[in-house]
Amino acid sequence: MEDYGRFLALLVSALHVGFVAVILSLVWVFHYREGLSWDGGAGEFNWHPVLIITGFVFIQGIGASGSRGWRGATG
């Protein structure tokens, strides 16, 4: 059970790092890349890095961590 506390600490720290990565990508897009748009202009491609970091890095990381934690807690 002591490993569960260590797992939770690592999970919370990973969540913080992922959240900061999403925030920093939004800051980068708005400050250096002229923001986000949905009108077919140059800003439309700026959704790409934001969604890549949010979806592939942050959300899939949460899913992988959750499946590992669940498996470790049950068996």
C-alpha atoms as a PDB file:
ATOM      1  CA  MET A   1       0.000   0.000   0.000  1.00  0.00           C
ATOM      2  CA  GLU A   2       2.978   2.334   0.447  1.00  0.00           C
ATOM      3  CA  ASP A   3       3.542   2.168  -3.300  1.00  0.00           C
ATOM      4  CA  TYR A   4       0.033   3.557  -3.830  1.00  0.00           C
ATOM      5  CA  GLY A   5       0.959   6.828  -2.115  1.00  0.00           C
ATOM      6  CA  ARG A   6       4.085   7.102  -4.224  1.00  0.00           C
ATOM      7  CA  PHE A   7       2.024   6.400  -7.342  1.00  0.00           C
ATOM      8  CA  LEU A   8      -0.452   9.145  -6.422  1.00  0.00           C
ATOM      9  CA  ALA A   9       2.378  11.609  -5.845  1.00  0.00           C
ATOM     10  CA  LEU A  10       3.861  10.825  -9.259  1.00  0.00           C
ATOM     11  CA  LEU A  11       0.442  10.996 -10.904  1.00  0.00           C
ATOM     12  CA  VAL A  12      -0.301  14.414  -9.421  1.00  0.00           C
ATOM     13  CA  SER A  13       3.112  15.736 -10.435  1.00  0.00           C
ATOM     14  CA  ALA A  14       2.626  14.374 -13.974  1.00  0.00           C
ATOM     15  CA  LEU A  15      -0.790  16.043 -14.145  1.00  0.00           C
ATOM     16  CA  HIS A  16       0.767  19.342 -13.129  1.00  0.00           C
ATOM     17  CA  VAL A  17       3.479  19.036 -15.775  1.00  0.00           C
ATOM     18  CA  GLY A  18       0.889  18.189 -18.443  1.00  0.00           C
ATOM     19  CA  PHE A  19      -1.343  21.071 -17.424  1.00  0.00           C
ATOM     20  CA  VAL A  20       1.616  23.465 -17.560  1.00  0.00           C
ATOM     21  CA  ALA A  21       2.536  22.122 -21.024  1.00  0.00           C
ATOM     22  CA  VAL A  22      -0.980  22.853 -22.312  1.00  0.00           C
ATOM     23  CA  ILE A  23      -0.930  26.353 -20.807  1.00  0.00           C
ATOM     24  CA  LEU A  24       2.524  27.085 -22.249  1.00  0.00           C
ATOM     25  CA  SER A  25       1.437  25.917 -25.709  1.00  0.00           C
ATOM     26  CA  LEU A  26      -1.541  28.287 -25.540  1.00  0.00           C
ATOM     27  CA  VAL A  27       0.709  31.140 -24.415  1.00  0.00           C
ATOM     28  CA  TRP A  28       3.092  30.385 -27.279  1.00  0.00           C
ATOM     29  CA  VAL A  29       0.282  30.298 -29.852  1.00  0.00           C
ATOM     30  CA  PHE A  30      -1.338  33.514 -28.659  1.00  0.00           C
ATOM     31  CA  HIS A  31       1.872  35.466 -28.095  1.00  0.00           C
ATOM     32  CA  TYR A  32       4.110  34.358 -30.963  1.00  0.00           C
ATOM     33  CA  ARG A  33       1.786  32.846 -33.580  1.00  0.00           C
ATOM     34  CA  GLU A  34      -1.040  35.430 -33.827  1.00  0.00           C
ATOM     35  CA  GLY A  35      -3.614  33.356 -31.929  1.00  0.00           C
ATOM     36  CA  LEU A  36      -6.206  30.835 -32.998  1.00  0.00           C
ATOM     37  CA  SER A  37      -8.756  31.212 -35.762  1.00  0.00           C
ATOM     38  CA  TRP A  38     -11.366  29.140 -37.534  1.00  0.00           C
ATOM     39  CA  ASP A  39     -11.834  31.212 -40.688  1.00  0.00           C
ATOM     40  CA  GLY A  40      -9.328  29.529 -43.015  1.00  0.00           C
ATOM     41  CA  GLY A  41      -6.563  32.022 -42.290  1.00  0.00           C
ATOM     42  CA  ALA A  42      -3.024  31.443 -41.106  1.00  0.00           C
ATOM     43  CA  GLY A  43      -4.147  31.112 -37.495  1.00  0.00           C
ATOM     44  CA  GLU A  44      -6.189  28.008 -38.243  1.00  0.00           C
ATOM     45  CA  PHE A  45      -3.099  25.780 -38.309  1.00  0.00           C
ATOM     46  CA  ASN A  46      -2.207  27.045 -34.826  1.00  0.00           C
ATOM     47  CA  TRP A  47      -4.816  24.646 -33.447  1.00  0.00           C
ATOM     48  CA  HIS A  48      -2.499  21.791 -34.402  1.00  0.00           C
ATOM     49  CA  PRO A  49       0.193  22.137 -31.696  1.00  0.00           C
ATOM     50  CA  VAL A  50      -2.392  22.936 -29.022  1.00  0.00           C
ATOM     51  CA  LEU A  51      -4.488  19.874 -29.840  1.00  0.00           C
ATOM     52  CA  ILE A  52      -1.431  17.622 -30.210  1.00  0.00           C
ATOM     53  CA  ILE A  53      -0.170  18.532 -26.747  1.00  0.00           C
ATOM     54  CA  THR A  54      -3.625  18.384 -25.206  1.00  0.00           C
ATOM     55  CA  GLY A  55      -4.735  15.129 -26.802  1.00  0.00           C
ATOM     56  CA  PHE A  56      -1.713  12.986 -27.408  1.00  0.00           C
ATOM     57  CA  VAL A  57       0.489  14.062 -24.543  1.00  0.00           C
ATOM     58  CA  PHE A  58      -1.849  15.115 -21.745  1.00  0.00           C
ATOM     59  CA  ILE A  59      -5.019  13.033 -22.197  1.00  0.00           C
ATOM     60  CA  GLN A  60      -3.281   9.843 -23.353  1.00  0.00           C
ATOM     61  CA  GLY A  61      -0.818  10.218 -20.498  1.00  0.00           C
ATOM     62  CA  ILE A  62      -3.688  10.374 -18.037  1.00  0.00           C
ATOM     63  CA  GLY A  63      -5.248   7.278 -19.609  1.00  0.00           C
ATOM     64  CA  ALA A  64      -2.011   5.310 -19.489  1.00  0.00           C
ATOM     65  CA  SER A  65      -1.365   6.319 -15.889  1.00  0.00           C
ATOM     66  CA  GLY A  66      -4.890   5.439 -14.879  1.00  0.00           C
ATOM     67  CA  SER A  67      -4.760   2.008 -16.453  1.00  0.00           C
ATOM     68  CA  ARG A  68      -1.421   1.299 -14.766  1.00  0.00           C
ATOM     69  CA  GLY A  69      -2.729   2.447 -11.401  1.00  0.00           C
ATOM     70  CA  TRP A  70      -5.924   0.454 -11.694  1.00  0.00           C
ATOM     71  CA  ARG A  71      -4.055  -2.715 -12.653  1.00  0.00           C
ATOM     72  CA  GLY A  72      -1.620  -2.275  -9.778  1.00  0.00           C
ATOM     73  CA  ALA A  73      -4.391  -1.652  -7.264  1.00  0.00           C
ATOM     74  CA  THR A  74      -6.356  -4.771  -8.192  1.00  0.00           C
ATOM     75  CA  GLY A  75      -3.647  -7.314  -8.652  1.00  0.00           C
END
